[in-house]
Protein backbone atom coordinates (compact mmCIF):
# COMPACT_ATOMS: atom_id res chain seq x y z
CA UNK A 1 -62.79 -43.47 -444.38
CA UNK A 2 -62.58 -43.30 -448.22
CA UNK A 3 -63.76 -40.07 -449.79
CA UNK A 4 -64.74 -39.47 -453.43
CA UNK A 5 -61.76 -38.42 -455.55
CA UNK A 6 -63.20 -34.99 -456.26
CA UNK A 7 -63.76 -34.30 -452.53
CA UNK A 8 -60.29 -35.61 -451.69
CA UNK A 9 -58.72 -33.40 -454.31
CA UNK A 10 -60.67 -30.43 -453.00
CA UNK A 11 -59.48 -31.08 -449.44
CA UNK A 12 -55.88 -31.45 -450.56
CA UNK A 13 -56.19 -28.20 -452.49
CA UNK A 14 -57.16 -26.32 -449.32
CA UNK A 15 -54.77 -28.28 -447.09
CA UNK A 16 -57.36 -30.23 -445.09
CA UNK A 17 -57.19 -33.83 -443.94
CA UNK A 18 -60.12 -36.26 -444.05
CA UNK A 19 -60.41 -36.45 -440.27
CA UNK A 20 -60.95 -32.70 -440.07
CA UNK A 21 -63.97 -33.06 -442.34
CA UNK A 22 -65.26 -35.93 -440.23
CA UNK A 23 -64.96 -33.88 -437.06
CA UNK A 24 -66.76 -30.98 -438.74
CA UNK A 25 -69.56 -33.25 -439.90
CA UNK A 26 -69.97 -34.82 -436.43
CA UNK A 27 -70.14 -31.41 -434.73
CA UNK A 28 -72.58 -30.14 -437.36
CA UNK A 29 -74.83 -33.18 -436.98
CA UNK A 30 -74.70 -32.80 -433.21
CA UNK A 31 -75.77 -29.18 -433.49
CA UNK A 32 -78.62 -30.07 -435.84
CA UNK A 33 -79.75 -32.93 -433.62
CA UNK A 34 -79.77 -30.68 -430.53
CA UNK A 35 -81.82 -28.09 -432.41
CA UNK A 36 -84.34 -30.69 -433.62
CA UNK A 37 -84.54 -32.27 -430.16
CA UNK A 38 -85.30 -28.91 -428.52
CA UNK A 39 -88.05 -28.15 -431.06
CA UNK A 40 -89.65 -31.57 -430.64
CA UNK A 41 -89.57 -31.47 -426.85
CA UNK A 42 -90.97 -27.91 -426.86
CA UNK A 43 -93.92 -29.01 -429.01
CA UNK A 44 -94.54 -32.09 -426.86
CA UNK A 45 -94.41 -30.01 -423.68
CA UNK A 46 -96.86 -27.46 -425.11
CA UNK A 47 -99.36 -30.27 -425.78
CA UNK A 48 -98.86 -31.99 -422.44
CA UNK A 49 -99.49 -28.77 -420.52
CA UNK A 50 -103.16 -29.07 -421.47
CA UNK A 51 -103.49 -32.54 -419.93
CA UNK A 52 -104.67 -33.20 -416.37
CA UNK A 53 -101.67 -35.38 -415.51
CA UNK A 54 -98.92 -33.51 -413.59
CA UNK A 55 -96.30 -36.23 -414.17
CA UNK A 56 -95.92 -35.98 -417.95
CA UNK A 57 -95.36 -32.22 -417.74
CA UNK A 58 -92.64 -32.78 -415.15
CA UNK A 59 -91.00 -35.50 -417.26
CA UNK A 60 -90.68 -33.40 -420.42
CA UNK A 61 -89.75 -30.22 -418.54
CA UNK A 62 -86.97 -32.05 -416.68
CA UNK A 63 -85.76 -33.86 -419.81
CA UNK A 64 -85.12 -30.88 -422.11
CA UNK A 65 -81.75 -29.59 -420.88
CA UNK A 66 -80.24 -32.95 -419.78
CA UNK A 67 -81.20 -34.54 -423.14
CA UNK A 68 -79.40 -31.77 -425.01
CA UNK A 69 -76.41 -32.21 -422.71
CA UNK A 70 -76.27 -35.96 -423.47
CA UNK A 71 -76.33 -35.32 -427.23
CA UNK A 72 -73.51 -32.79 -426.89
CA UNK A 73 -71.46 -35.15 -424.70
CA UNK A 74 -71.83 -38.07 -427.11
CA UNK A 75 -71.18 -35.88 -430.16
CA UNK A 76 -68.08 -34.19 -428.75
CA UNK A 77 -66.76 -37.53 -427.47
CA UNK A 78 -67.20 -39.07 -430.93
CA UNK A 79 -65.40 -36.13 -432.55
CA UNK A 80 -62.52 -36.39 -430.06
CA UNK A 81 -62.29 -40.13 -430.73
CA UNK A 82 -61.82 -39.36 -434.43
CA UNK A 83 -59.00 -36.98 -433.54
CA UNK A 84 -57.45 -39.62 -431.23
CA UNK A 85 -57.47 -42.25 -434.00
CA UNK A 86 -55.63 -39.84 -436.27
CA UNK A 87 -53.17 -38.22 -433.88
CA UNK A 88 -52.64 -41.08 -431.38
CA UNK A 89 -52.21 -38.49 -428.64
CA UNK A 90 -52.25 -40.01 -425.15
CA UNK A 91 -54.29 -37.17 -423.71
CA UNK A 92 -57.35 -38.31 -425.62
CA UNK A 93 -57.27 -41.73 -423.93
CA UNK A 94 -59.32 -40.40 -421.02
CA UNK A 95 -62.24 -39.41 -423.21
CA UNK A 96 -64.09 -42.70 -422.61
CA UNK A 97 -64.37 -42.44 -418.79
CA UNK A 98 -65.05 -38.70 -419.01
CA UNK A 99 -67.86 -39.35 -421.49
CA UNK A 100 -69.38 -42.00 -419.19
CA UNK A 101 -69.17 -39.72 -416.15
CA UNK A 102 -70.72 -36.90 -418.18
CA UNK A 103 -73.65 -39.11 -419.17
CA UNK A 104 -74.10 -40.20 -415.53
CA UNK A 105 -74.07 -36.53 -414.49
CA UNK A 106 -76.68 -35.70 -417.13
CA UNK A 107 -78.94 -38.55 -416.01
CA UNK A 108 -78.53 -37.39 -412.40
CA UNK A 109 -79.38 -33.86 -413.46
CA UNK A 110 -82.52 -35.14 -415.17
CA UNK A 111 -83.66 -37.15 -412.14
CA UNK A 112 -83.06 -34.26 -409.71
CA UNK A 113 -84.94 -31.86 -412.02
CA UNK A 114 -87.77 -34.35 -412.44
CA UNK A 115 -88.18 -34.77 -408.67
CA UNK A 116 -88.18 -31.00 -408.13
CA UNK A 117 -90.62 -30.21 -410.95
CA UNK A 118 -92.87 -33.14 -410.02
CA UNK A 119 -93.00 -31.86 -406.43
CA UNK A 120 -94.07 -28.39 -407.59
CA UNK A 121 -96.59 -29.72 -410.11
CA UNK A 122 -98.10 -32.20 -407.65
CA UNK A 123 -98.72 -29.51 -405.02
CA UNK A 124 -100.14 -27.05 -407.57
CA UNK A 125 -102.34 -29.76 -409.15
CA UNK A 126 -103.89 -30.83 -405.83
CA UNK A 127 -104.39 -27.27 -404.59
CA UNK A 128 -106.09 -26.34 -407.86
CA UNK A 129 -108.60 -29.13 -407.19
CA UNK A 130 -109.15 -27.97 -403.60
CA UNK A 131 -107.36 -30.95 -402.05
CA UNK A 132 -105.33 -30.62 -398.88
CA UNK A 133 -101.59 -31.14 -399.43
CA UNK A 134 -99.12 -31.85 -396.65
CA UNK A 135 -96.24 -29.66 -397.84
CA UNK A 136 -93.90 -30.99 -395.16
CA UNK A 137 -94.34 -34.63 -396.19
CA UNK A 138 -93.99 -33.85 -399.90
CA UNK A 139 -90.86 -31.80 -399.23
CA UNK A 140 -89.36 -34.55 -397.05
CA UNK A 141 -89.95 -37.26 -399.65
CA UNK A 142 -88.51 -35.06 -402.41
CA UNK A 143 -85.39 -34.31 -400.38
CA UNK A 144 -84.83 -37.99 -399.56
CA UNK A 145 -85.24 -38.95 -403.23
CA UNK A 146 -82.80 -36.27 -404.37
CA UNK A 147 -80.29 -37.35 -401.72
CA UNK A 148 -80.62 -40.99 -402.81
CA UNK A 149 -80.09 -40.06 -406.46
CA UNK A 150 -76.97 -38.02 -405.63
CA UNK A 151 -75.43 -40.78 -403.50
CA UNK A 152 -76.16 -43.47 -406.11
CA UNK A 153 -74.79 -41.31 -408.92
CA UNK A 154 -71.60 -40.63 -406.97
CA UNK A 155 -71.00 -44.33 -406.34
CA UNK A 156 -71.68 -45.23 -409.99
CA UNK A 157 -69.33 -42.46 -411.19
CA UNK A 158 -66.58 -43.67 -408.86
CA UNK A 159 -67.04 -47.22 -410.13
CA UNK A 160 -66.86 -45.94 -413.72
CA UNK A 161 -63.59 -44.13 -413.01
CA UNK A 162 -62.09 -47.37 -411.69
CA UNK A 163 -62.45 -46.85 -407.95
CA UNK A 164 -63.65 -49.78 -405.86
CA UNK A 165 -67.05 -48.97 -404.42
CA UNK A 166 -66.60 -51.55 -401.66
CA UNK A 167 -63.35 -49.82 -400.66
CA UNK A 168 -65.06 -46.44 -400.67
CA UNK A 169 -67.88 -47.78 -398.49
CA UNK A 170 -65.38 -49.40 -396.10
CA UNK A 171 -63.47 -46.13 -395.84
CA UNK A 172 -66.76 -44.34 -395.27
CA UNK A 173 -67.58 -46.69 -392.41
CA UNK A 174 -64.26 -46.04 -390.70
CA UNK A 175 -64.20 -42.34 -391.48
CA UNK A 176 -67.83 -41.99 -390.43
CA UNK A 177 -66.82 -42.55 -386.81
CA UNK A 178 -64.38 -39.64 -386.89
CA UNK A 179 -66.81 -37.47 -388.80
CA UNK A 180 -69.53 -38.34 -386.30
CA UNK A 181 -67.46 -37.04 -383.39
CA UNK A 182 -66.35 -33.95 -385.30
CA UNK A 183 -69.81 -33.05 -386.56
CA UNK A 184 -72.07 -34.33 -383.79
CA UNK A 185 -74.06 -31.08 -383.71
CA UNK A 186 -74.60 -31.26 -387.46
CA UNK A 187 -75.76 -34.87 -387.17
CA UNK A 188 -78.01 -33.99 -384.24
CA UNK A 189 -79.67 -31.31 -386.35
CA UNK A 190 -79.98 -33.74 -389.28
CA UNK A 191 -81.72 -36.38 -387.18
CA UNK A 192 -83.78 -33.67 -385.49
CA UNK A 193 -85.02 -32.63 -388.93
CA UNK A 194 -85.71 -36.27 -389.77
CA UNK A 195 -87.82 -36.61 -386.63
CA UNK A 196 -89.78 -33.50 -387.58
CA UNK A 197 -90.52 -35.04 -390.98
CA UNK A 198 -91.56 -38.37 -389.42
CA UNK A 199 -93.51 -37.16 -386.36
CA UNK A 200 -94.84 -33.99 -388.06
CA UNK A 201 -95.52 -31.91 -384.92
CA UNK A 202 -95.80 -28.94 -387.27
CA UNK A 203 -95.71 -28.20 -390.99
CA UNK A 204 -94.80 -25.27 -393.21
CA UNK A 205 -97.34 -22.51 -392.65
CA UNK A 206 -98.23 -23.54 -389.07
CA UNK A 207 -98.16 -21.08 -386.19
CA UNK A 208 -96.08 -22.61 -383.39
CA UNK A 209 -94.71 -21.50 -380.04
CA UNK A 210 -92.69 -23.03 -377.23
CA UNK A 211 -93.33 -22.40 -373.54
CA UNK A 212 -89.73 -23.51 -372.87
CA UNK A 213 -88.02 -21.10 -375.25
CA UNK A 214 -88.73 -17.67 -376.68
CA UNK A 215 -89.98 -19.19 -379.94
CA UNK A 216 -93.21 -18.11 -381.59
CA UNK A 217 -94.15 -17.47 -385.19
CA UNK A 218 -95.09 -19.05 -388.51
CA UNK A 219 -92.99 -21.88 -389.94
CA UNK A 220 -91.58 -20.87 -393.33
CA UNK A 221 -89.13 -23.68 -394.08
CA UNK A 222 -88.02 -26.96 -392.54
CA UNK A 223 -84.49 -27.78 -393.65
CA UNK A 224 -82.18 -30.63 -392.74
CA UNK A 225 -80.24 -28.44 -390.30
CA UNK A 226 -82.42 -25.42 -389.49
CA UNK A 227 -86.08 -24.51 -389.31
CA UNK A 228 -86.89 -20.94 -390.33
CA UNK A 229 -89.71 -19.28 -388.38
CA UNK A 230 -91.12 -15.85 -389.16
CA UNK A 231 -92.00 -14.07 -385.92
CA UNK A 232 -95.04 -11.81 -385.67
CA UNK A 233 -92.86 -8.71 -386.00
CA UNK A 234 -91.59 -10.14 -389.34
CA UNK A 235 -88.14 -11.14 -388.07
CA UNK A 236 -86.73 -14.45 -389.36
CA UNK A 237 -85.86 -16.86 -386.55
CA UNK A 238 -83.51 -19.76 -387.34
CA UNK A 239 -83.85 -22.66 -384.90
CA UNK A 240 -81.53 -25.72 -385.03
CA UNK A 241 -83.62 -28.84 -385.55
CA UNK A 242 -81.99 -30.55 -382.57
CA UNK A 243 -83.71 -28.01 -380.28
CA UNK A 244 -87.12 -29.48 -381.10
CA UNK A 245 -86.13 -32.87 -379.63
CA UNK A 246 -85.80 -31.41 -376.12
CA UNK A 247 -88.50 -28.70 -375.88
CA UNK A 248 -92.28 -28.66 -375.79
CA UNK A 249 -93.92 -27.17 -378.88
CA UNK A 250 -97.47 -25.86 -379.08
CA UNK A 251 -99.20 -25.79 -382.45
CA UNK A 252 -102.17 -23.39 -382.23
CA UNK A 253 -102.76 -23.81 -385.97
CA UNK A 254 -104.19 -27.27 -385.28
CA UNK A 255 -106.71 -26.05 -382.73
CA UNK A 256 -110.25 -27.13 -383.56
CA UNK A 257 -111.89 -24.36 -381.54
CA UNK A 258 -110.87 -21.34 -379.47
CA UNK A 259 -112.00 -20.63 -375.93
CA UNK A 260 -113.71 -17.55 -374.54
CA UNK A 261 -113.17 -17.27 -370.80
CA UNK A 262 -114.19 -13.93 -369.30
CA UNK A 263 -115.41 -12.68 -365.94
CA UNK A 264 -118.05 -9.91 -365.76
CA UNK A 265 -118.92 -8.02 -362.57
CA UNK A 266 -122.13 -6.10 -361.78
CA UNK A 267 -122.86 -3.75 -358.87
CA UNK A 268 -124.08 -4.98 -355.50
CA UNK A 269 -127.11 -2.77 -356.03
CA UNK A 270 -128.10 -5.13 -358.89
CA UNK A 271 -127.91 -8.32 -356.81
CA UNK A 272 -131.56 -9.16 -357.50
CA UNK A 273 -130.94 -9.09 -361.25
CA UNK A 274 -127.87 -11.38 -361.42
CA UNK A 275 -129.90 -14.57 -361.88
CA UNK A 276 -131.89 -13.17 -364.82
CA UNK A 277 -128.72 -11.77 -366.41
CA UNK A 278 -126.94 -15.13 -366.17
CA UNK A 279 -129.96 -16.89 -367.70
CA UNK A 280 -130.19 -14.47 -370.64
CA UNK A 281 -126.44 -14.66 -371.32
CA UNK A 282 -126.67 -18.46 -371.39
CA UNK A 283 -129.56 -18.34 -373.87
CA UNK A 284 -127.67 -15.83 -376.00
CA UNK A 285 -124.61 -18.09 -376.21
CA UNK A 286 -126.68 -21.17 -377.02
CA UNK A 287 -128.35 -19.29 -379.88
CA UNK A 288 -125.17 -17.60 -381.17
CA UNK A 289 -124.25 -19.04 -384.61
CA UNK A 290 -120.50 -18.73 -384.00
CA UNK A 291 -120.46 -20.51 -380.60
CA UNK A 292 -119.99 -24.28 -380.44
CA UNK A 293 -123.04 -25.22 -378.37
CA UNK A 294 -122.16 -28.94 -378.13
CA UNK A 295 -118.87 -28.16 -376.36
CA UNK A 296 -118.55 -27.02 -372.75
CA UNK A 297 -120.68 -23.90 -372.27
CA UNK A 298 -120.98 -22.39 -368.80
CA UNK A 299 -122.33 -19.09 -367.43
CA UNK A 300 -122.43 -19.03 -363.63
CA UNK A 301 -122.43 -16.56 -360.75
CA UNK A 302 -119.10 -17.32 -359.16
CA UNK A 303 -117.86 -14.68 -356.72
CA UNK A 304 -118.81 -11.89 -354.36
CA UNK A 305 -115.94 -9.55 -355.03
CA UNK A 306 -114.73 -6.50 -353.16
CA UNK A 307 -116.85 -4.17 -355.28
CA UNK A 308 -118.79 -6.43 -357.66
CA UNK A 309 -120.87 -9.57 -358.05
CA UNK A 310 -118.98 -11.66 -360.62
CA UNK A 311 -120.20 -14.23 -363.12
CA UNK A 312 -118.01 -15.97 -365.66
CA UNK A 313 -118.48 -16.96 -369.31
CA UNK A 314 -116.84 -20.15 -370.55
CA UNK A 315 -117.46 -21.34 -374.13
CA UNK A 316 -115.77 -22.23 -377.43
CA UNK A 317 -116.01 -20.61 -380.84
CA UNK A 318 -116.55 -22.58 -384.01
CA UNK A 319 -113.58 -20.94 -385.72
CA UNK A 320 -109.95 -21.46 -384.80
CA UNK A 321 -108.70 -18.54 -386.91
CA UNK A 322 -107.17 -15.98 -384.58
CA UNK A 323 -108.57 -12.84 -386.24
CA UNK A 324 -112.03 -14.37 -386.68
CA UNK A 325 -112.01 -15.53 -383.05
CA UNK A 326 -111.52 -11.96 -381.81
CA UNK A 327 -114.39 -10.76 -383.97
CA UNK A 328 -116.69 -13.39 -382.44
CA UNK A 329 -115.44 -12.63 -378.93
CA UNK A 330 -116.14 -8.93 -379.44
CA UNK A 331 -119.68 -9.69 -380.57
CA UNK A 332 -120.29 -11.91 -377.53
CA UNK A 333 -119.03 -9.30 -375.06
CA UNK A 334 -121.09 -6.55 -376.68
CA UNK A 335 -124.16 -8.79 -376.40
CA UNK A 336 -123.39 -9.39 -372.72
CA UNK A 337 -123.15 -5.65 -372.04
CA UNK A 338 -126.43 -5.15 -373.87
CA UNK A 339 -128.12 -7.80 -371.72
CA UNK A 340 -126.77 -6.22 -368.53
CA UNK A 341 -128.03 -2.80 -369.59
CA UNK A 342 -131.36 -4.29 -370.67
CA UNK A 343 -132.01 -5.43 -367.11
CA UNK A 344 -131.34 -1.94 -365.78
CA UNK A 345 -128.06 -3.07 -364.23
CA UNK A 346 -124.56 -1.70 -364.61
CA UNK A 347 -121.13 -3.24 -364.89
CA UNK A 348 -119.24 -2.58 -361.67
CA UNK A 349 -115.96 -0.77 -361.33
CA UNK A 350 -113.73 -0.64 -358.24
CA UNK A 351 -115.32 1.60 -355.55
CA UNK A 352 -115.11 2.06 -351.79
CA UNK A 353 -117.51 3.61 -349.26
CA UNK A 354 -116.36 5.53 -346.18
CA UNK A 355 -118.77 5.48 -343.23
CA UNK A 356 -118.20 8.43 -340.84
CA UNK A 357 -119.79 8.11 -337.36
CA UNK A 358 -121.57 11.02 -335.75
CA UNK A 359 -119.84 13.15 -333.13
CA UNK A 360 -116.41 13.57 -334.72
CA UNK A 361 -115.13 16.99 -333.60
CA UNK A 362 -114.87 19.55 -336.39
CA UNK A 363 -117.12 17.64 -338.79
CA UNK A 364 -120.59 18.98 -339.37
CA UNK A 365 -123.57 16.70 -339.91
CA UNK A 366 -123.92 17.88 -343.57
CA UNK A 367 -120.26 17.10 -344.31
CA UNK A 368 -120.59 13.67 -342.69
CA UNK A 369 -123.67 12.92 -344.78
CA UNK A 370 -121.89 13.96 -347.94
CA UNK A 371 -118.91 11.75 -347.13
CA UNK A 372 -121.21 8.81 -346.43
CA UNK A 373 -123.09 9.18 -349.73
CA UNK A 374 -120.27 9.92 -352.16
CA UNK A 375 -117.09 8.27 -350.90
CA UNK A 376 -115.00 6.65 -353.57
């Protein structure tokens, strides 16, 4: 590179070579370009945040840091190439492959960031519009995309460094057998997690329980190896995904209705009033706004107990929310007690009557009468 005579004289006067000035200029231009790029992308992102499209926000947000990294990689590589041309040092011969791998890493970084930000933006965008979002499906797709990007980037980087991808894949096929035996539990958990993502027996936020194991709580995270469940006493419970392939899992969160099934007993003295009580309770349930009248609804006298005449209530609430269900159930039971009291009847409690025959020595007639009337 020929420099003007005045510049060349100036450089010689301060003991500098032309390549030093070139390196300085390249680094300076790289710094300026990175600064300008950051300002431009910041302005573009500020404008795109006001749009209704979640994808453009994710694109610019994910591009900012990787784009700056690419500019720095190219600029530094160009500066080092200038030094290599001047010094002929062998160490600088590796700058080409390193630059290519760095650019591949930056592109991979951008794609992984884009997938992550797009996942967050997509969920927030749909929830803001009141749309239902399956967090488990979105999370599964995002994880698979990130895994695909990482595997592809690794293979491309190996090919760039001069390794044979076909040889790597062949080695992976042979080594995969040994790894499979050594890490069978890890693979079982991986495929267990994959089955959860595909079958979707539960999702993040669902309340689940297993009658086979002591597992009950709210699902907080579904990973590739473990599922984290928060129990009702706020303890985290980590369950290997392979466990879900061999146990039964209940998902109460997906219930459409909840059942009220209660038995009420009245005294034998109120036997003549049982029919009217049952009729009024049935009418009350049919008219109750929180009871699903088009589902099974039964109120029947069912049993002559040891100390009570029993009738049962069988119906379903409109809500499936646990706390709301108990509020409705409380209201129903209070209404039932009110109906029983309205008919002049009483709810029975366990009692027993002792009949004492006349003529027992040492027992007066008054004492026998008292025992007959008030035994309990």
